[in-house]
Amino acid sequence: MKGYTALIKKPLTKNEVRQAVVITLSTGYVDAVILSRKMGIGFGKADQLAKLMYSAGIIVDSTMRGTVVILKGEPQALNAAYRQLRKVQK
């Protein structure tokens, strides 16, 4: 996946990534609609944040049981998300 700016034309910020990770860890699952409502952003950007967390290995998309959070610790999840964000911004 090359970059997370295809639909929104603005790059994701570290603050947005941090908010999305905190919301995901507090709710136990991730959904673009929930991220959109809780963060006050558009659906496209929320979807891109969910894809970033999936590619960082924070969540696993399981169709039978919904989305499963793998990294439960906030520091570990934030570090993984920030590494993935830096990787795609290069």
PDB file of N, CA and C in Angstrom:
ATOM      1  N   MET A   1       0.842  -1.176   0.000  1.00  0.00           N
ATOM      2  CA  MET A   1       0.000   0.000   0.000  1.00  0.00           C
ATOM      3  C   MET A   1       0.886   1.238   0.000  1.00  0.00           C
ATOM      4  N   LYS A   2       0.801   2.037  -0.990  1.00  0.00           N
ATOM      5  CA  LYS A   2       1.646   3.214  -1.104  1.00  0.00           C
ATOM      6  C   LYS A   2       0.891   4.432  -0.590  1.00  0.00           C
ATOM      7  N   GLY A   3       1.246   4.892   0.579  1.00  0.00           N
ATOM      8  CA  GLY A   3       0.661   6.111   1.128  1.00  0.00           C
ATOM      9  C   GLY A   3      -0.785   5.968   1.550  1.00  0.00           C
ATOM     10  N   TYR A   4      -1.193   6.833   2.431  1.00  0.00           N
ATOM     11  CA  TYR A   4      -2.565   6.824   2.931  1.00  0.00           C
ATOM     12  C   TYR A   4      -3.254   8.142   2.601  1.00  0.00           C
ATOM     13  N   THR A   5      -2.942   8.710   1.443  1.00  0.00           N
ATOM     14  CA  THR A   5      -3.501  10.010   1.097  1.00  0.00           C
ATOM     15  C   THR A   5      -4.324   9.964  -0.178  1.00  0.00           C
ATOM     16  N   ALA A   6      -4.625   8.794  -0.699  1.00  0.00           N
ATOM     17  CA  ALA A   6      -5.286   8.679  -1.996  1.00  0.00           C
ATOM     18  C   ALA A   6      -6.650   9.360  -2.019  1.00  0.00           C
ATOM     19  N   LEU A   7      -7.464   9.156  -1.002  1.00  0.00           N
ATOM     20  CA  LEU A   7      -8.806   9.717  -1.008  1.00  0.00           C
ATOM     21  C   LEU A   7      -8.876  11.092  -0.369  1.00  0.00           C
ATOM     22  N   ILE A   8      -8.025  11.363   0.594  1.00  0.00           N
ATOM     23  CA  ILE A   8      -8.194  12.563   1.403  1.00  0.00           C
ATOM     24  C   ILE A   8      -7.269  13.698   1.015  1.00  0.00           C
ATOM     25  N   LYS A   9      -6.240  13.418   0.260  1.00  0.00           N
ATOM     26  CA  LYS A   9      -5.300  14.420  -0.240  1.00  0.00           C
ATOM     27  C   LYS A   9      -4.500  15.118   0.857  1.00  0.00           C
ATOM     28  N   LYS A  10      -4.662  14.722   2.111  1.00  0.00           N
ATOM     29  CA  LYS A  10      -3.855  15.255   3.206  1.00  0.00           C
ATOM     30  C   LYS A  10      -3.231  14.080   3.934  1.00  0.00           C
ATOM     31  N   PRO A  11      -1.954  14.182   4.265  1.00  0.00           N
ATOM     32  CA  PRO A  11      -1.334  13.065   4.984  1.00  0.00           C
ATOM     33  C   PRO A  11      -1.878  12.946   6.403  1.00  0.00           C
ATOM     34  N   LEU A  12      -1.840  11.742   6.931  1.00  0.00           N
ATOM     35  CA  LEU A  12      -2.261  11.516   8.307  1.00  0.00           C
ATOM     36  C   LEU A  12      -1.231  12.119   9.254  1.00  0.00           C
ATOM     37  N   THR A  13      -1.694  12.657  10.362  1.00  0.00           N
ATOM     38  CA  THR A  13      -0.790  13.225  11.352  1.00  0.00           C
ATOM     39  C   THR A  13      -0.599  12.242  12.500  1.00  0.00           C
ATOM     40  N   LYS A  14       0.459  12.455  13.270  1.00  0.00           N
ATOM     41  CA  LYS A  14       0.730  11.586  14.409  1.00  0.00           C
ATOM     42  C   LYS A  14      -0.381  11.698  15.447  1.00  0.00           C
ATOM     43  N   ASN A  15      -0.950  12.886  15.590  1.00  0.00           N
ATOM     44  CA  ASN A  15      -2.020  13.088  16.557  1.00  0.00           C
ATOM     45  C   ASN A  15      -3.259  12.277  16.178  1.00  0.00           C
ATOM     46  N   GLU A  16      -3.587  12.251  14.899  1.00  0.00           N
ATOM     47  CA  GLU A  16      -4.734  11.462  14.442  1.00  0.00           C
ATOM     48  C   GLU A  16      -4.494   9.972  14.654  1.00  0.00           C
ATOM     49  N   VAL A  17      -3.275   9.530  14.385  1.00  0.00           N
ATOM     50  CA  VAL A  17      -2.940   8.127  14.582  1.00  0.00           C
ATOM     51  C   VAL A  17      -3.039   7.775  16.064  1.00  0.00           C
ATOM     52  N   ARG A  18      -2.532   8.658  16.933  1.00  0.00           N
ATOM     53  CA  ARG A  18      -2.582   8.414  18.374  1.00  0.00           C
ATOM     54  C   ARG A  18      -4.026   8.319  18.856  1.00  0.00           C
ATOM     55  N   GLN A  19      -4.874   9.241  18.416  1.00  0.00           N
ATOM     56  CA  GLN A  19      -6.277   9.214  18.814  1.00  0.00           C
ATOM     57  C   GLN A  19      -6.958   7.927  18.355  1.00  0.00           C
ATOM     58  N   ALA A  20      -6.682   7.514  17.140  1.00  0.00           N
ATOM     59  CA  ALA A  20      -7.300   6.298  16.607  1.00  0.00           C
ATOM     60  C   ALA A  20      -6.854   5.062  17.390  1.00  0.00           C
ATOM     61  N   VAL A  21      -5.579   5.002  17.753  1.00  0.00           N
ATOM     62  CA  VAL A  21      -5.079   3.860  18.519  1.00  0.00           C
ATOM     63  C   VAL A  21      -5.711   3.831  19.901  1.00  0.00           C
ATOM     64  N   VAL A  22      -5.818   4.981  20.554  1.00  0.00           N
ATOM     65  CA  VAL A  22      -6.416   5.039  21.889  1.00  0.00           C
ATOM     66  C   VAL A  22      -7.889   4.623  21.837  1.00  0.00           C
ATOM     67  N   ILE A  23      -8.621   5.085  20.845  1.00  0.00           N
ATOM     68  CA  ILE A  23     -10.033   4.710  20.704  1.00  0.00           C
ATOM     69  C   ILE A  23     -10.159   3.215  20.443  1.00  0.00           C
ATOM     70  N   THR A  24      -9.303   2.680  19.591  1.00  0.00           N
ATOM     71  CA  THR A  24      -9.352   1.258  19.275  1.00  0.00           C
ATOM     72  C   THR A  24      -9.060   0.410  20.506  1.00  0.00           C
ATOM     73  N   LEU A  25      -8.060   0.807  21.286  1.00  0.00           N
ATOM     74  CA  LEU A  25      -7.727   0.030  22.479  1.00  0.00           C
ATOM     75  C   LEU A  25      -8.799   0.151  23.554  1.00  0.00           C
ATOM     76  N   SER A  26      -9.454   1.307  23.638  1.00  0.00           N
ATOM     77  CA  SER A  26     -10.484   1.466  24.672  1.00  0.00           C
ATOM     78  C   SER A  26     -11.773   0.722  24.323  1.00  0.00           C
ATOM     79  N   THR A  27     -12.118   0.657  23.033  1.00  0.00           N
ATOM     80  CA  THR A  27     -13.344  -0.042  22.641  1.00  0.00           C
ATOM     81  C   THR A  27     -13.124  -1.529  22.414  1.00  0.00           C
ATOM     82  N   GLY A  28     -11.911  -1.919  22.088  1.00  0.00           N
ATOM     83  CA  GLY A  28     -11.621  -3.328  21.851  1.00  0.00           C
ATOM     84  C   GLY A  28     -11.784  -3.761  20.408  1.00  0.00           C
ATOM     85  N   TYR A  29     -12.236  -2.889  19.553  1.00  0.00           N
ATOM     86  CA  TYR A  29     -12.350  -3.190  18.132  1.00  0.00           C
ATOM     87  C   TYR A  29     -12.279  -1.879  17.361  1.00  0.00           C
ATOM     88  N   VAL A  30     -12.149  -1.982  16.061  1.00  0.00           N
ATOM     89  CA  VAL A  30     -12.051  -0.776  15.240  1.00  0.00           C
ATOM     90  C   VAL A  30     -13.106  -0.834  14.144  1.00  0.00           C
ATOM     91  N   ASP A  31     -13.685   0.306  13.889  1.00  0.00           N
ATOM     92  CA  ASP A  31     -14.659   0.454  12.824  1.00  0.00           C
ATOM     93  C   ASP A  31     -14.528   1.887  12.322  1.00  0.00           C
ATOM     94  N   ALA A  32     -14.558   2.063  11.013  1.00  0.00           N
ATOM     95  CA  ALA A  32     -14.385   3.397  10.448  1.00  0.00           C
ATOM     96  C   ALA A  32     -15.493   4.351  10.901  1.00  0.00           C
ATOM     97  N   VAL A  33     -16.699   3.840  11.080  1.00  0.00           N
ATOM     98  CA  VAL A  33     -17.808   4.690  11.518  1.00  0.00           C
ATOM     99  C   VAL A  33     -17.558   5.200  12.945  1.00  0.00           C
ATOM    100  N   ILE A  34     -17.100   4.311  13.815  1.00  0.00           N
ATOM    101  CA  ILE A  34     -16.830   4.714  15.200  1.00  0.00           C
ATOM    102  C   ILE A  34     -15.689   5.715  15.253  1.00  0.00           C
ATOM    103  N   LEU A  35     -14.622   5.457  14.501  1.00  0.00           N
ATOM    104  CA  LEU A  35     -13.501   6.409  14.469  1.00  0.00           C
ATOM    105  C   LEU A  35     -13.954   7.759  13.933  1.00  0.00           C
ATOM    106  N   SER A  36     -14.771   7.743  12.908  1.00  0.00           N
ATOM    107  CA  SER A  36     -15.260   8.979  12.312  1.00  0.00           C
ATOM    108  C   SER A  36     -16.067   9.800  13.312  1.00  0.00           C
ATOM    109  N   ARG A  37     -16.946   9.144  14.039  1.00  0.00           N
ATOM    110  CA  ARG A  37     -17.791   9.855  15.001  1.00  0.00           C
ATOM    111  C   ARG A  37     -17.012  10.353  16.206  1.00  0.00           C
ATOM    112  N   LYS A  38     -16.158   9.497  16.760  1.00  0.00           N
ATOM    113  CA  LYS A  38     -15.440   9.877  17.979  1.00  0.00           C
ATOM    114  C   LYS A  38     -14.350  10.903  17.727  1.00  0.00           C
ATOM    115  N   MET A  39     -13.761  10.879  16.534  1.00  0.00           N
ATOM    116  CA  MET A  39     -12.682  11.811  16.233  1.00  0.00           C
ATOM    117  C   MET A  39     -13.174  13.054  15.503  1.00  0.00           C
ATOM    118  N   GLY A  40     -14.382  13.020  14.979  1.00  0.00           N
ATOM    119  CA  GLY A  40     -14.904  14.163  14.251  1.00  0.00           C
ATOM    120  C   GLY A  40     -14.233  14.367  12.905  1.00  0.00           C
ATOM    121  N   ILE A  41     -13.927  13.258  12.229  1.00  0.00           N
ATOM    122  CA  ILE A  41     -13.288  13.322  10.913  1.00  0.00           C
ATOM    123  C   ILE A  41     -14.190  12.625   9.900  1.00  0.00           C
ATOM    124  N   GLY A  42     -13.832  12.703   8.655  1.00  0.00           N
ATOM    125  CA  GLY A  42     -14.616  12.070   7.611  1.00  0.00           C
ATOM    126  C   GLY A  42     -14.408  10.566   7.569  1.00  0.00           C
ATOM    127  N   PHE A  43     -15.325   9.892   6.895  1.00  0.00           N
ATOM    128  CA  PHE A  43     -15.269   8.438   6.805  1.00  0.00           C
ATOM    129  C   PHE A  43     -14.032   7.957   6.057  1.00  0.00           C
ATOM    130  N   GLY A  44     -13.643   8.680   5.015  1.00  0.00           N
ATOM    131  CA  GLY A  44     -12.467   8.277   4.226  1.00  0.00           C
ATOM    132  C   GLY A  44     -11.198   8.283   5.049  1.00  0.00           C
ATOM    133  N   LYS A  45     -11.009   9.320   5.843  1.00  0.00           N
ATOM    134  CA  LYS A  45      -9.818   9.399   6.688  1.00  0.00           C
ATOM    135  C   LYS A  45      -9.864   8.341   7.783  1.00  0.00           C
ATOM    136  N   ALA A  46     -11.042   8.102   8.339  1.00  0.00           N
ATOM    137  CA  ALA A  46     -11.180   7.067   9.369  1.00  0.00           C
ATOM    138  C   ALA A  46     -10.869   5.690   8.782  1.00  0.00           C
ATOM    139  N   ASP A  47     -11.288   5.444   7.559  1.00  0.00           N
ATOM    140  CA  ASP A  47     -10.989   4.184   6.897  1.00  0.00           C
ATOM    141  C   ASP A  47      -9.489   4.035   6.669  1.00  0.00           C
ATOM    142  N   GLN A  48      -8.828   5.100   6.297  1.00  0.00           N
ATOM    143  CA  GLN A  48      -7.382   5.058   6.102  1.00  0.00           C
ATOM    144  C   GLN A  48      -6.653   4.779   7.417  1.00  0.00           C
ATOM    145  N   LEU A  49      -7.154   5.336   8.525  1.00  0.00           N
ATOM    146  CA  LEU A  49      -6.569   5.063   9.834  1.00  0.00           C
ATOM    147  C   LEU A  49      -6.745   3.589  10.205  1.00  0.00           C
ATOM    148  N   ALA A  50      -7.900   3.027   9.902  1.00  0.00           N
ATOM    149  CA  ALA A  50      -8.132   1.611  10.179  1.00  0.00           C
ATOM    150  C   ALA A  50      -7.196   0.744   9.336  1.00  0.00           C
ATOM    151  N   LYS A  51      -6.985   1.108   8.086  1.00  0.00           N
ATOM    152  CA  LYS A  51      -6.067   0.358   7.227  1.00  0.00           C
ATOM    153  C   LYS A  51      -4.632   0.463   7.732  1.00  0.00           C
ATOM    154  N   LEU A  52      -4.257   1.630   8.244  1.00  0.00           N
ATOM    155  CA  LEU A  52      -2.918   1.819   8.803  1.00  0.00           C
ATOM    156  C   LEU A  52      -2.717   0.901  10.003  1.00  0.00           C
ATOM    157  N   MET A  53      -3.720   0.828  10.885  1.00  0.00           N
ATOM    158  CA  MET A  53      -3.597  -0.034  12.061  1.00  0.00           C
ATOM    159  C   MET A  53      -3.566  -1.508  11.663  1.00  0.00           C
ATOM    160  N   TYR A  54      -4.284  -1.869  10.618  1.00  0.00           N
ATOM    161  CA  TYR A  54      -4.254  -3.245  10.126  1.00  0.00           C
ATOM    162  C   TYR A  54      -2.876  -3.589   9.568  1.00  0.00           C
ATOM    163  N   SER A  55      -2.310  -2.697   8.755  1.00  0.00           N
ATOM    164  CA  SER A  55      -0.999  -2.979   8.163  1.00  0.00           C
ATOM    165  C   SER A  55       0.116  -2.891   9.193  1.00  0.00           C
ATOM    166  N   ALA A  56      -0.108  -2.190  10.312  1.00  0.00           N
ATOM    167  CA  ALA A  56       0.892  -2.120  11.378  1.00  0.00           C
ATOM    168  C   ALA A  56       0.838  -3.338  12.282  1.00  0.00           C
ATOM    169  N   GLY A  57      -0.199  -4.155  12.165  1.00  0.00           N
ATOM    170  CA  GLY A  57      -0.310  -5.349  12.972  1.00  0.00           C
ATOM    171  C   GLY A  57      -0.979  -5.127  14.316  1.00  0.00           C
ATOM    172  N   ILE A  58      -1.660  -4.013  14.476  1.00  0.00           N
ATOM    173  CA  ILE A  58      -2.351  -3.728  15.732  1.00  0.00           C
ATOM    174  C   ILE A  58      -3.660  -4.509  15.788  1.00  0.00           C
ATOM    175  N   ILE A  59      -4.307  -4.650  14.654  1.00  0.00           N
ATOM    176  CA  ILE A  59      -5.585  -5.360  14.580  1.00  0.00           C
ATOM    177  C   ILE A  59      -5.504  -6.438  13.513  1.00  0.00           C
ATOM    178  N   VAL A  60      -6.399  -7.397  13.624  1.00  0.00           N
ATOM    179  CA  VAL A  60      -6.542  -8.444  12.614  1.00  0.00           C
ATOM    180  C   VAL A  60      -7.990  -8.426  12.176  1.00  0.00           C
ATOM    181  N   ASP A  61      -8.215  -8.409  10.884  1.00  0.00           N
ATOM    182  CA  ASP A  61      -9.573  -8.399  10.364  1.00  0.00           C
ATOM    183  C   ASP A  61     -10.065  -9.828  10.257  1.00  0.00           C
ATOM    184  N   SER A  62     -11.002 -10.171  11.094  1.00  0.00           N
ATOM    185  CA  SER A  62     -11.583 -11.506  11.095  1.00  0.00           C
ATOM    186  C   SER A  62     -13.068 -11.365  10.802  1.00  0.00           C
ATOM    187  N   THR A  63     -13.520 -11.896   9.699  1.00  0.00           N
ATOM    188  CA  THR A  63     -14.902 -11.679   9.284  1.00  0.00           C
ATOM    189  C   THR A  63     -15.909 -12.408  10.158  1.00  0.00           C
ATOM    190  N   MET A  64     -15.544 -13.525  10.752  1.00  0.00           N
ATOM    191  CA  MET A  64     -16.488 -14.285  11.563  1.00  0.00           C
ATOM    192  C   MET A  64     -16.752 -13.638  12.920  1.00  0.00           C
ATOM    193  N   ARG A  65     -15.722 -13.078  13.541  1.00  0.00           N
ATOM    194  CA  ARG A  65     -15.873 -12.525  14.887  1.00  0.00           C
ATOM    195  C   ARG A  65     -15.721 -11.016  14.929  1.00  0.00           C
ATOM    196  N   GLY A  66     -15.631 -10.372  13.825  1.00  0.00           N
ATOM    197  CA  GLY A  66     -15.358  -8.948  13.823  1.00  0.00           C
ATOM    198  C   GLY A  66     -13.859  -8.707  13.854  1.00  0.00           C
ATOM    199  N   THR A  67     -13.463  -7.497  14.143  1.00  0.00           N
ATOM    200  CA  THR A  67     -12.056  -7.144  14.175  1.00  0.00           C
ATOM    201  C   THR A  67     -11.485  -7.437  15.550  1.00  0.00           C
ATOM    202  N   VAL A  68     -10.309  -8.037  15.585  1.00  0.00           N
ATOM    203  CA  VAL A  68      -9.670  -8.428  16.829  1.00  0.00           C
ATOM    204  C   VAL A  68      -8.429  -7.573  17.046  1.00  0.00           C
ATOM    205  N   VAL A  69      -8.295  -7.010  18.248  1.00  0.00           N
ATOM    206  CA  VAL A  69      -7.126  -6.211  18.600  1.00  0.00           C
ATOM    207  C   VAL A  69      -6.043  -7.144  19.110  1.00  0.00           C
ATOM    208  N   ILE A  70      -4.849  -7.062  18.508  1.00  0.00           N
ATOM    209  CA  ILE A  70      -3.742  -7.927  18.901  1.00  0.00           C
ATOM    210  C   ILE A  70      -2.875  -7.246  19.952  1.00  0.00           C
ATOM    211  N   LEU A  71      -2.412  -6.029  19.658  1.00  0.00           N
ATOM    212  CA  LEU A  71      -1.541  -5.317  20.591  1.00  0.00           C
ATOM    213  C   LEU A  71      -2.402  -4.590  21.613  1.00  0.00           C
ATOM    214  N   LYS A  72      -2.408  -5.079  22.843  1.00  0.00           N
ATOM    215  CA  LYS A  72      -3.262  -4.507  23.882  1.00  0.00           C
ATOM    216  C   LYS A  72      -2.605  -3.329  24.591  1.00  0.00           C
ATOM    217  N   GLY A  73      -1.275  -3.278  24.618  1.00  0.00           N
ATOM    218  CA  GLY A  73      -0.583  -2.197  25.310  1.00  0.00           C
ATOM    219  C   GLY A  73      -0.507  -0.948  24.457  1.00  0.00           C
ATOM    220  N   GLU A  74      -0.834   0.186  25.055  1.00  0.00           N
ATOM    221  CA  GLU A  74      -0.832   1.434  24.290  1.00  0.00           C
ATOM    222  C   GLU A  74       0.545   1.810  23.754  1.00  0.00           C
ATOM    223  N   PRO A  75       1.632   1.714  24.553  1.00  0.00           N
ATOM    224  CA  PRO A  75       2.945   2.083  23.993  1.00  0.00           C
ATOM    225  C   PRO A  75       3.357   1.207  22.814  1.00  0.00           C
ATOM    226  N   GLN A  76       3.103  -0.099  22.903  1.00  0.00           N
ATOM    227  CA  GLN A  76       3.449  -0.997  21.797  1.00  0.00           C
ATOM    228  C   GLN A  76       2.638  -0.682  20.552  1.00  0.00           C
ATOM    229  N   ALA A  77       1.356  -0.445  20.725  1.00  0.00           N
ATOM    230  CA  ALA A  77       0.488  -0.167  19.586  1.00  0.00           C
ATOM    231  C   ALA A  77       0.856   1.160  18.934  1.00  0.00           C
ATOM    232  N   LEU A  78       1.152   2.172  19.760  1.00  0.00           N
ATOM    233  CA  LEU A  78       1.538   3.472  19.202  1.00  0.00           C
ATOM    234  C   LEU A  78       2.844   3.370  18.433  1.00  0.00           C
ATOM    235  N   ASN A  79       3.821   2.656  18.980  1.00  0.00           N
ATOM    236  CA  ASN A  79       5.094   2.500  18.279  1.00  0.00           C
ATOM    237  C   ASN A  79       4.912   1.791  16.948  1.00  0.00           C
ATOM    238  N   ALA A  80       4.106   0.746  16.923  1.00  0.00           N
ATOM    239  CA  ALA A  80       3.859   0.028  15.668  1.00  0.00           C
ATOM    240  C   ALA A  80       3.166   0.927  14.647  1.00  0.00           C
ATOM    241  N   ALA A  81       2.187   1.716  15.095  1.00  0.00           N
ATOM    242  CA  ALA A  81       1.465   2.607  14.184  1.00  0.00           C
ATOM    243  C   ALA A  81       2.377   3.710  13.653  1.00  0.00           C
ATOM    244  N   TYR A  82       3.227   4.275  14.527  1.00  0.00           N
ATOM    245  CA  TYR A  82       4.148   5.331  14.089  1.00  0.00           C
ATOM    246  C   TYR A  82       5.184   4.784  13.101  1.00  0.00           C
ATOM    247  N   ARG A  83       5.675   3.556  13.327  1.00  0.00           N
ATOM    248  CA  ARG A  83       6.627   2.954  12.386  1.00  0.00           C
ATOM    249  C   ARG A  83       5.974   2.770  11.025  1.00  0.00           C
ATOM    250  N   GLN A  84       4.726   2.293  11.020  1.00  0.00           N
ATOM    251  CA  GLN A  84       4.029   2.100   9.739  1.00  0.00           C
ATOM    252  C   GLN A  84       3.770   3.432   9.047  1.00  0.00           C
ATOM    253  N   LEU A  85       3.429   4.462   9.819  1.00  0.00           N
ATOM    254  CA  LEU A  85       3.191   5.791   9.242  1.00  0.00           C
ATOM    255  C   LEU A  85       4.469   6.332   8.604  1.00  0.00           C
ATOM    256  N   ARG A  86       5.608   6.183   9.290  1.00  0.00           N
ATOM    257  CA  ARG A  86       6.891   6.642   8.721  1.00  0.00           C
ATOM    258  C   ARG A  86       7.258   5.852   7.480  1.00  0.00           C
ATOM    259  N   LYS A  87       6.948   4.564   7.485  1.00  0.00           N
ATOM    260  CA  LYS A  87       7.300   3.723   6.346  1.00  0.00           C
ATOM    261  C   LYS A  87       6.563   4.167   5.091  1.00  0.00           C
ATOM    262  N   VAL A  88       5.293   4.497   5.211  1.00  0.00           N
ATOM    263  CA  VAL A  88       4.525   4.869   4.018  1.00  0.00           C
ATOM    264  C   VAL A  88       4.735   6.318   3.618  1.00  0.00           C
ATOM    265  N   GLN A  89       5.274   7.132   4.516  1.00  0.00           N
ATOM    266  CA  GLN A  89       5.511   8.537   4.165  1.00  0.00           C
ATOM    267  C   GLN A  89       6.805   8.712   3.398  1.00  0.00           C
ATOM    268  N   LYS A  90       7.665   7.698   3.381  1.00  0.00           N
ATOM    269  CA  LYS A  90       8.944   7.805   2.656  1.00  0.00           C
ATOM    270  C   LYS A  90       8.756   7.706   1.188  1.00  0.00           C
TER     271      LYS A  90
END
